Protein backbone atom coordinates (compact mmCIF):
# COMPACT_ATOMS: atom_id res chain seq x y z
CA MET A 1 -54.97 -69.70 -137.26
CA ASN A 2 -56.07 -68.42 -140.60
CA LEU A 3 -57.75 -71.76 -141.40
CA ILE A 4 -60.51 -70.99 -138.92
CA SER A 5 -62.67 -67.95 -138.40
CA ARG A 6 -61.58 -65.51 -135.79
CA PRO A 7 -63.15 -66.10 -132.40
CA SER A 8 -66.02 -63.65 -131.90
CA LYS A 9 -69.22 -63.38 -129.97
CA GLU A 10 -71.07 -65.06 -132.92
CA ASN A 11 -69.21 -68.36 -132.58
CA LEU A 12 -68.87 -68.10 -128.72
CA LYS A 13 -70.72 -71.31 -127.91
CA SER A 14 -68.70 -73.41 -130.25
CA TYR A 15 -65.15 -71.96 -129.57
CA LEU A 16 -65.49 -71.38 -125.74
CA PRO A 17 -65.90 -75.06 -124.66
CA VAL A 18 -63.07 -76.22 -127.03
CA GLY A 19 -60.79 -73.49 -125.77
CA ILE A 20 -61.37 -74.15 -122.16
CA THR A 21 -60.92 -77.89 -122.77
CA LEU A 22 -57.54 -77.46 -124.49
CA PHE A 23 -56.29 -74.96 -121.81
CA SER A 24 -57.45 -77.23 -118.98
CA LEU A 25 -55.80 -80.21 -120.60
CA SER A 26 -52.46 -78.35 -120.89
CA PHE A 27 -52.76 -77.22 -117.26
CA VAL A 28 -53.74 -80.67 -115.84
CA ASP A 29 -50.91 -82.35 -117.90
CA VAL A 30 -48.27 -80.08 -116.35
CA PHE A 31 -49.72 -80.42 -112.92
CA VAL A 32 -49.81 -84.27 -113.02
CA ASN A 33 -46.29 -84.29 -114.48
CA ALA A 34 -44.91 -81.99 -111.80
CA PHE A 35 -46.62 -83.66 -108.71
CA PHE A 36 -46.95 -87.24 -109.84
CA ASN A 37 -44.30 -87.63 -112.54
CA TYR A 38 -46.81 -88.88 -115.00
CA ASN A 39 -47.13 -87.57 -118.56
CA LEU A 40 -50.79 -87.60 -119.74
CA LEU A 41 -49.74 -86.77 -123.36
CA GLY A 42 -46.87 -89.26 -123.32
CA PHE A 43 -48.48 -91.18 -126.27
CA PHE A 44 -47.20 -88.33 -128.65
CA PRO A 45 -43.48 -88.59 -129.84
CA SER A 46 -41.08 -87.23 -127.21
CA GLN A 47 -40.31 -84.02 -129.01
CA ILE A 48 -44.01 -83.20 -129.41
CA SER A 49 -44.94 -84.55 -125.99
CA TYR A 50 -42.54 -82.03 -124.32
CA PHE A 51 -44.10 -78.96 -126.02
CA SER A 52 -47.80 -80.31 -126.25
CA PRO A 53 -48.92 -78.49 -123.14
CA LEU A 54 -47.71 -75.22 -124.49
CA ILE A 55 -49.21 -75.93 -127.90
CA PHE A 56 -52.65 -76.92 -126.54
CA GLY A 57 -52.66 -74.13 -123.96
CA PHE A 58 -51.77 -71.55 -126.64
CA ILE A 59 -54.57 -72.73 -128.93
CA GLY A 60 -56.97 -72.87 -126.05
CA LEU A 61 -56.25 -69.23 -125.08
CA TYR A 62 -56.58 -68.18 -128.68
CA LEU A 63 -60.05 -69.79 -128.98
CA ILE A 64 -61.38 -68.01 -125.86
CA ARG A 65 -59.91 -64.65 -126.82
CA ILE A 66 -63.39 -63.11 -127.63
CA GLU A 67 -63.68 -59.41 -127.32
CA PHE A 68 -66.85 -58.17 -125.39
CA SER A 69 -68.01 -61.71 -124.87
CA GLY A 70 -70.58 -60.59 -122.24
CA ILE A 71 -69.03 -63.05 -119.67
CA ARG A 72 -67.44 -60.83 -117.05
CA PHE A 73 -64.79 -63.30 -115.96
CA LEU A 74 -63.77 -64.08 -119.50
CA ASP A 75 -63.45 -60.41 -120.43
CA ILE A 76 -61.30 -59.69 -117.44
CA LEU A 77 -59.09 -62.66 -118.19
CA ASN A 78 -58.70 -61.57 -121.75
CA ARG A 79 -58.02 -58.01 -120.99
CA ASN A 80 -55.31 -58.81 -118.45
CA ILE A 81 -53.41 -61.96 -119.48
CA ASN A 82 -54.76 -62.94 -122.91
CA SER A 83 -54.97 -59.78 -124.85
CA ASN A 84 -52.71 -61.01 -127.70
CA ASN A 85 -50.54 -63.97 -128.62
CA PHE A 86 -47.46 -62.72 -126.83
CA ASN A 87 -49.32 -62.22 -123.56
CA ALA A 88 -50.95 -65.65 -123.90
CA LEU A 89 -47.50 -67.28 -124.39
CA LEU A 90 -46.11 -65.37 -121.50
CA THR A 91 -48.96 -66.32 -119.33
CA LEU A 92 -48.45 -70.08 -120.08
CA LEU A 93 -44.84 -70.03 -119.40
CA THR A 94 -45.23 -68.24 -116.17
CA VAL A 95 -48.00 -70.63 -114.90
CA PHE A 96 -46.08 -73.67 -116.05
CA ILE A 97 -42.82 -72.59 -114.41
CA ILE A 98 -44.70 -71.91 -111.07
CA ILE A 99 -46.37 -75.38 -111.16
CA LYS A 100 -43.07 -77.02 -112.04
CA SER A 101 -41.40 -75.14 -109.12
CA ILE A 102 -43.84 -76.04 -106.37
CA PRO A 103 -43.01 -79.71 -105.78
CA PRO A 104 -39.20 -79.26 -105.16
CA LEU A 105 -39.80 -76.15 -103.07
CA LEU A 106 -42.55 -77.92 -101.12
CA ASN A 107 -40.29 -80.94 -100.50
CA TRP A 108 -37.29 -78.73 -99.45
CA PHE A 109 -39.40 -76.30 -97.21
CA ILE A 110 -41.86 -78.83 -95.59
CA LEU A 111 -42.03 -82.50 -96.60
CA ASP A 112 -38.36 -83.35 -96.43
CA ALA A 113 -37.43 -80.80 -93.90
CA ASN A 114 -36.35 -81.39 -90.27
CA PHE A 115 -38.18 -79.35 -87.60
CA LEU A 116 -37.30 -81.36 -84.41
CA GLY A 117 -33.97 -81.65 -82.65
CA ASN A 118 -31.26 -79.55 -81.08
CA SER A 119 -28.19 -80.16 -83.18
CA LYS A 120 -26.98 -80.52 -86.73
CA ASP A 121 -26.99 -84.34 -86.23
CA ASP A 122 -30.84 -84.23 -86.16
CA CYS A 123 -30.96 -83.03 -89.69
CA THR A 124 -31.05 -86.28 -91.63
CA GLY A 125 -33.30 -85.60 -94.65
CA ASP A 126 -32.62 -83.80 -98.00
CA GLY A 127 -34.78 -80.84 -97.16
CA ALA A 128 -34.18 -77.79 -95.07
CA CYS A 129 -32.84 -78.03 -91.57
CA TRP A 130 -35.18 -75.68 -89.62
CA VAL A 131 -33.59 -76.98 -86.47
CA PHE A 132 -30.85 -74.42 -87.19
CA ILE A 133 -33.42 -71.59 -87.06
CA LYS A 134 -35.05 -72.93 -83.98
CA VAL A 135 -31.82 -73.19 -81.98
CA TRP A 136 -30.51 -69.81 -83.08
CA PHE A 137 -33.93 -68.04 -83.05
CA ASN A 138 -33.27 -66.07 -79.91
CA ARG A 139 -29.85 -64.77 -81.25
CA PHE A 140 -31.47 -63.92 -84.54
CA MET A 141 -34.02 -61.80 -82.69
CA TYR A 142 -31.77 -60.09 -79.97
CA GLY A 143 -28.20 -60.70 -81.05
CA LEU A 144 -25.75 -60.97 -78.07
CA TYR A 145 -28.13 -59.03 -75.83
CA PRO A 146 -28.21 -60.77 -72.36
CA ASP A 147 -31.07 -63.19 -72.09
CA ALA A 148 -32.26 -61.84 -68.71
CA GLU A 149 -32.50 -58.29 -70.09
CA GLN A 150 -34.39 -59.03 -73.35
CA TRP A 151 -37.61 -57.97 -71.77
CA ARG A 152 -36.36 -54.37 -72.08
CA ILE A 153 -36.24 -54.65 -75.91
CA ASN A 154 -39.68 -56.20 -75.93
CA THR A 155 -41.03 -53.37 -73.74
CA ALA A 156 -39.57 -50.57 -75.78
CA PHE A 157 -41.10 -52.06 -79.01
CA LEU A 158 -44.40 -52.71 -77.26
CA ILE A 159 -44.65 -49.07 -76.12
CA LEU A 160 -43.83 -48.06 -79.74
CA PHE A 161 -46.56 -50.35 -81.17
CA ILE A 162 -49.17 -49.17 -78.68
CA ILE A 163 -48.43 -45.46 -79.36
CA VAL A 164 -48.48 -45.92 -83.18
CA GLY A 165 -51.67 -48.09 -82.92
CA VAL A 166 -53.52 -45.72 -80.60
CA SER A 167 -52.58 -42.69 -82.81
CA PHE A 168 -54.68 -44.27 -85.62
CA PHE A 169 -57.91 -43.99 -83.56
CA VAL A 170 -57.54 -40.55 -81.81
CA SER A 171 -58.76 -37.21 -83.20
CA ALA A 172 -56.55 -35.15 -85.39
CA LYS A 173 -56.18 -32.72 -82.58
CA LEU A 174 -54.63 -35.27 -80.23
CA LYS A 175 -52.65 -37.01 -83.16
CA LYS A 176 -50.19 -34.24 -83.34
CA TYR A 177 -49.20 -34.68 -79.71
CA PHE A 178 -48.62 -38.42 -80.33
CA ILE A 179 -46.38 -37.45 -83.29
CA LEU A 180 -44.41 -34.93 -81.10
CA PHE A 181 -44.00 -37.68 -78.54
CA LEU A 182 -42.67 -40.16 -81.07
CA VAL A 183 -40.24 -37.58 -82.59
CA PHE A 184 -38.89 -35.87 -79.58
CA VAL A 185 -39.48 -38.00 -76.50
CA TYR A 186 -39.72 -41.69 -77.49
CA PRO A 187 -36.38 -41.99 -79.17
CA PHE A 188 -34.56 -41.09 -75.90
CA LEU A 189 -36.90 -43.11 -73.80
CA GLY A 190 -36.48 -46.27 -76.01
CA ILE A 191 -32.66 -45.95 -76.12
CA GLU A 192 -32.52 -45.33 -72.39
CA LEU A 193 -34.61 -48.51 -71.75
CA ILE A 194 -32.70 -50.61 -74.05
CA SER A 195 -29.16 -49.42 -73.15
CA GLY A 196 -29.77 -49.01 -69.44
CA GLY A 197 -27.24 -47.46 -67.09
CA SER A 198 -29.95 -45.53 -65.09
CA PHE A 199 -33.17 -46.20 -63.19
CA GLY A 200 -31.56 -49.34 -61.84
CA LEU A 201 -31.27 -50.98 -65.24
CA LYS A 202 -27.94 -52.87 -66.11
CA TYR A 203 -25.99 -51.19 -68.75
CA VAL A 204 -25.71 -53.16 -72.07
CA GLU A 205 -23.15 -51.96 -74.53
CA THR A 206 -24.27 -51.42 -78.12
CA ALA A 207 -21.81 -54.04 -79.36
CA ALA A 208 -24.08 -56.66 -77.73
CA TRP A 209 -27.15 -55.27 -79.58
CA GLY A 210 -28.04 -57.25 -82.61
CA GLY A 211 -30.49 -59.49 -84.61
CA LEU A 212 -33.83 -58.34 -85.95
CA SER A 213 -34.28 -55.86 -82.98
CA LEU A 214 -31.27 -53.95 -84.18
CA THR A 215 -32.60 -53.96 -87.71
CA PHE A 216 -35.86 -52.46 -86.35
CA ILE A 217 -33.98 -49.97 -84.16
CA ILE A 218 -31.84 -48.57 -86.99
CA SER A 219 -34.74 -48.56 -89.52
CA ALA A 220 -37.05 -46.81 -87.14
CA PHE A 221 -34.54 -44.11 -86.21
CA ALA A 222 -33.38 -43.48 -89.72
CA ILE A 223 -36.94 -43.31 -91.02
CA LEU A 224 -37.90 -40.92 -88.23
CA PHE A 225 -35.18 -38.45 -88.94
CA CYS A 226 -34.33 -38.83 -92.62
CA PHE A 227 -37.79 -37.75 -93.69
CA PRO A 228 -37.87 -34.30 -92.08
CA ILE A 229 -34.14 -33.67 -93.05
CA GLY A 230 -34.99 -34.66 -96.61
CA VAL A 231 -37.92 -32.24 -96.64
CA PHE A 232 -35.81 -29.25 -95.55
CA LEU A 233 -33.13 -30.24 -98.04
CA ALA A 234 -35.68 -30.32 -100.88
CA LEU A 235 -36.93 -26.87 -99.83
CA GLY A 236 -33.34 -25.61 -99.49
CA ARG A 237 -32.48 -26.86 -103.07
CA ARG A 238 -35.45 -24.77 -104.37
CA SER A 239 -34.65 -21.78 -102.27
CA SER A 240 -34.05 -18.41 -103.88
CA LEU A 241 -31.16 -17.69 -101.51
CA PRO A 242 -27.91 -18.76 -103.22
CA ALA A 243 -26.15 -19.83 -99.98
CA ILE A 244 -28.88 -22.13 -98.86
CA ARG A 245 -29.52 -23.50 -102.34
CA TYR A 246 -25.83 -24.34 -103.10
CA VAL A 247 -25.31 -25.81 -99.53
CA SER A 248 -28.38 -28.09 -100.07
CA ILE A 249 -27.19 -29.03 -103.63
CA GLY A 250 -23.74 -29.80 -102.41
CA PHE A 251 -25.01 -31.97 -99.47
CA ILE A 252 -27.41 -33.93 -101.73
CA GLU A 253 -24.88 -34.61 -104.46
CA LEU A 254 -22.08 -35.47 -102.08
CA TRP A 255 -24.19 -38.13 -100.21
CA ARG A 256 -25.78 -39.47 -103.35
CA GLY A 257 -22.41 -39.72 -105.07
CA VAL A 258 -20.82 -42.29 -102.70
CA PRO A 259 -21.86 -45.84 -101.86
CA LEU A 260 -23.52 -46.49 -98.45
CA ILE A 261 -20.84 -49.06 -97.51
CA THR A 262 -18.15 -46.38 -97.88
CA VAL A 263 -20.18 -44.00 -95.70
CA LEU A 264 -20.43 -46.62 -93.01
CA PHE A 265 -16.72 -47.34 -93.03
CA MET A 266 -15.97 -43.59 -92.73
CA SER A 267 -18.42 -43.22 -89.86
CA ALA A 268 -16.88 -46.24 -88.01
CA VAL A 269 -13.17 -45.92 -88.76
CA MET A 270 -12.29 -42.33 -90.09
CA PHE A 271 -14.73 -40.17 -88.19
CA PRO A 272 -13.32 -40.89 -84.69
CA MET A 273 -9.92 -39.76 -85.95
CA PHE A 274 -11.24 -36.21 -86.44
CA LEU A 275 -12.73 -35.99 -82.86
CA PRO A 276 -10.81 -34.11 -80.04
CA ASP A 277 -8.84 -36.22 -77.58
CA GLY A 278 -11.05 -37.77 -74.92
CA THR A 279 -14.26 -37.37 -77.10
CA PHE A 280 -16.12 -40.60 -77.84
CA ILE A 281 -19.31 -41.16 -79.83
CA ASP A 282 -20.68 -44.67 -79.83
CA LYS A 283 -20.39 -46.57 -83.09
CA LEU A 284 -24.07 -47.34 -83.32
CA ILE A 285 -24.85 -43.50 -83.01
CA ARG A 286 -22.33 -42.79 -85.72
CA VAL A 287 -23.84 -45.48 -87.99
CA LEU A 288 -27.35 -44.19 -87.28
CA ILE A 289 -26.28 -40.66 -88.25
CA ALA A 290 -24.49 -41.92 -91.40
CA ILE A 291 -27.52 -43.95 -92.65
CA THR A 292 -29.93 -41.09 -91.83
CA LEU A 293 -27.92 -38.47 -93.73
CA PHE A 294 -27.42 -40.89 -96.64
CA GLU A 295 -31.12 -41.64 -96.95
CA ALA A 296 -32.13 -38.07 -96.39
CA ALA A 297 -30.33 -37.05 -99.59
CA TYR A 298 -32.46 -39.52 -101.62
CA MET A 299 -35.50 -38.50 -99.78
CA ALA A 300 -34.75 -34.83 -100.72
CA GLU A 301 -34.86 -35.64 -104.43
CA VAL A 302 -38.12 -37.55 -104.07
CA VAL A 303 -39.71 -34.63 -102.29
CA ARG A 304 -38.30 -32.16 -104.75
CA GLY A 305 -40.00 -34.00 -107.58
CA GLY A 306 -43.35 -33.56 -105.76
CA LEU A 307 -42.67 -29.73 -105.25
CA GLN A 308 -41.84 -29.35 -109.01
CA ALA A 309 -45.04 -31.24 -109.94
CA LEU A 310 -47.22 -28.61 -108.41
CA PRO A 311 -48.39 -25.81 -110.78
CA LYS A 312 -47.26 -22.32 -110.19
CA GLY A 313 -50.75 -21.33 -109.44
CA GLN A 314 -50.64 -22.99 -105.98
CA TYR A 315 -47.67 -20.75 -105.03
CA GLU A 316 -49.37 -17.62 -106.34
CA ALA A 317 -52.66 -18.49 -104.71
CA ALA A 318 -50.97 -18.86 -101.31
CA ARG A 319 -49.03 -15.62 -101.71
CA SER A 320 -52.23 -13.75 -102.68
CA LEU A 321 -53.70 -14.76 -99.37
CA GLY A 322 -50.80 -13.13 -97.64
CA MET A 323 -49.07 -16.26 -96.54
CA GLY A 324 -45.34 -16.22 -95.71
CA TYR A 325 -42.79 -18.69 -96.91
CA TRP A 326 -43.11 -21.24 -94.07
CA LYS A 327 -46.87 -21.03 -93.71
CA MET A 328 -47.37 -21.38 -97.43
CA ASN A 329 -45.15 -24.52 -97.55
CA LEU A 330 -46.47 -26.14 -94.42
CA LEU A 331 -50.14 -25.56 -95.07
CA ILE A 332 -50.49 -25.44 -98.91
CA ILE A 333 -47.44 -26.79 -100.91
CA LEU A 334 -46.01 -29.67 -98.84
CA PRO A 335 -49.29 -31.43 -98.21
CA GLN A 336 -50.05 -31.62 -101.92
CA ALA A 337 -46.46 -32.35 -102.93
CA LEU A 338 -45.97 -35.30 -100.38
CA LYS A 339 -49.30 -36.93 -101.60
CA LEU A 340 -48.02 -36.98 -105.12
CA VAL A 341 -44.75 -38.74 -104.19
CA ILE A 342 -46.08 -41.34 -101.69
CA PRO A 343 -44.78 -44.17 -104.00
CA GLY A 344 -41.30 -42.58 -104.12
CA ILE A 345 -41.18 -41.97 -100.40
CA ALA A 346 -42.20 -45.57 -99.77
CA ASN A 347 -39.58 -46.83 -102.21
CA THR A 348 -36.87 -44.90 -100.29
CA LEU A 349 -37.92 -46.15 -96.94
CA LEU A 350 -38.00 -49.84 -98.29
CA ALA A 351 -34.52 -49.28 -99.58
CA LEU A 352 -33.48 -47.95 -96.21
CA VAL A 353 -34.77 -51.10 -94.49
CA LYS A 354 -33.03 -53.45 -96.95
CA ASP A 355 -29.75 -51.51 -96.61
CA THR A 356 -29.43 -52.14 -92.86
CA PRO A 357 -27.63 -55.50 -93.43
CA LEU A 358 -24.57 -53.40 -94.69
CA ILE A 359 -23.83 -52.45 -91.11
CA PHE A 360 -22.35 -55.92 -90.68
CA VAL A 361 -19.16 -54.59 -92.30
CA VAL A 362 -18.51 -52.33 -89.37
CA GLY A 363 -18.98 -55.05 -86.74
CA LEU A 364 -22.73 -54.53 -85.80
CA MET A 365 -24.72 -57.83 -86.01
CA GLU A 366 -28.20 -57.22 -87.17
CA LEU A 367 -30.35 -60.14 -88.58
CA ALA A 368 -28.15 -60.96 -91.57
CA GLY A 369 -24.97 -60.37 -89.58
CA MET A 370 -26.12 -62.85 -86.90
CA ILE A 371 -26.99 -65.45 -89.57
CA GLY A 372 -23.50 -64.96 -90.94
CA LEU A 373 -22.04 -65.45 -87.58
CA ALA A 374 -24.22 -68.50 -86.82
CA LYS A 375 -23.32 -70.32 -90.06
CA THR A 376 -19.58 -70.14 -89.30
CA ASN A 377 -20.07 -71.89 -85.99
CA PRO A 378 -18.24 -75.23 -86.28
CA LYS A 379 -21.35 -77.07 -85.02
CA TRP A 380 -23.53 -75.62 -87.78
CA LEU A 381 -21.41 -75.41 -90.81
CA GLY A 382 -23.43 -75.68 -94.10
CA MET A 383 -26.54 -74.05 -92.77
CA ALA A 384 -26.22 -70.90 -94.82
CA MET A 385 -29.24 -71.61 -97.07
CA GLU A 386 -31.65 -71.97 -94.28
CA GLY A 387 -30.46 -68.85 -92.53
CA TYR A 388 -30.58 -66.63 -95.58
CA VAL A 389 -34.05 -68.01 -96.72
CA PHE A 390 -35.29 -67.14 -93.13
CA ALA A 391 -33.79 -63.67 -93.39
CA GLY A 392 -35.24 -63.18 -96.94
CA LEU A 393 -38.66 -64.19 -95.75
CA VAL A 394 -38.45 -61.78 -92.77
CA PHE A 395 -37.35 -58.88 -94.89
CA TRP A 396 -40.03 -59.68 -97.48
CA ILE A 397 -42.75 -59.60 -94.76
CA ILE A 398 -41.51 -56.22 -93.47
CA CYS A 399 -41.24 -54.66 -96.98
CA TYR A 400 -44.45 -56.07 -98.12
CA ALA A 401 -46.27 -54.63 -95.09
CA MET A 402 -44.72 -51.19 -95.76
CA SER A 403 -45.70 -51.43 -99.43
CA ARG A 404 -49.22 -52.30 -98.64
CA TYR A 405 -49.59 -49.48 -96.03
CA SER A 406 -48.21 -46.94 -98.58
CA GLN A 407 -50.85 -48.27 -101.19
CA ASN A 408 -53.67 -47.87 -98.69
CA LEU A 409 -52.38 -44.40 -97.77
CA GLU A 410 -52.38 -43.52 -101.48
CA LYS A 411 -56.08 -44.49 -101.76
CA LYS A 412 -57.03 -42.77 -98.62
CA LEU A 413 -55.41 -39.51 -99.69
CA SER A 414 -56.64 -39.88 -103.26
CA THR A 415 -53.31 -39.21 -104.86
CA GLU A 416 -54.51 -40.23 -108.41
CA ARG A 417 -55.04 -37.34 -110.72
């Protein structure tokens, strides 16, 4: 590189075309090799030919690395992925690996995959057998819930989506009533609708609940209750009253110090041993309480970080206005603290959703549990890959949607300082 002058705005017209040509050549060579198994630079010796796309691409990116070129797209590219030699090399490796990975993935997912049929015998290609997902789709969604009663699950979630959707468009005065309904009324209404036993609905035991619907049920209830519990624990940990402070600290450290799988085992196996004779609490309720309390401990530490980030002046200003403890926290402190820790709250809720497959160890079959059950069926042995890829895509869509919403919420509330 020292043999030629450093790329600059003065030699832009001579360096830019050469740089673009070399980078494009490296890109096209990798693309053609990956998709058509043909090496454009095969006339070089084999050792050089293998690394030639990387060499040409690296030289090309160096030649177009011109600061303040006046070309908006070029300046953005150089600032983000071509700021130095290391970033240029990393960019090339990333792009080449992605291009090389596309053909085999495309073949497995679509081109060589089987979509039609009703049994494993219909899967004749080397690609994925999506027939497995098609045949078991109903069980993946609803578990062992009776087919004739599945409309109840659909209705419960439809009511939830309508209430949440409408709440985005009503005034702030009405929104609080929607929130109160979601917190204090809907949980009991939804559970009653799904479980049945009254209003002429057939009772369905919780052992039959499963699939993605159970994942949503557990996630929704845990999210709904772990957040307010976490807020109270965070306030308790910062309380000036020793009894409240030490109880909050003990609770948080206890639940954060044990794995979730241990908590689930205790809720499902050990907890019933301590109940009085004749007392029964459904396993799903025990698991819901265990996950909620476990995640509430993590939520408390996230919220505490937001409380500690606020300057003392906010507390003093609220007290100077004559506000009491609860009024100060509800109107002044918590709104500011929660805005600061939206990324941390979103991260905790995402972890909660991804932790739900652990309930499989206590006999509850959510989405991953139903896939584990389906792949052990003698008629569908060997279909684990398709099942877990499907589950991975579903969880990615859920988590990505939650992540995007949290980012939009950050922008809306202007959390950047």
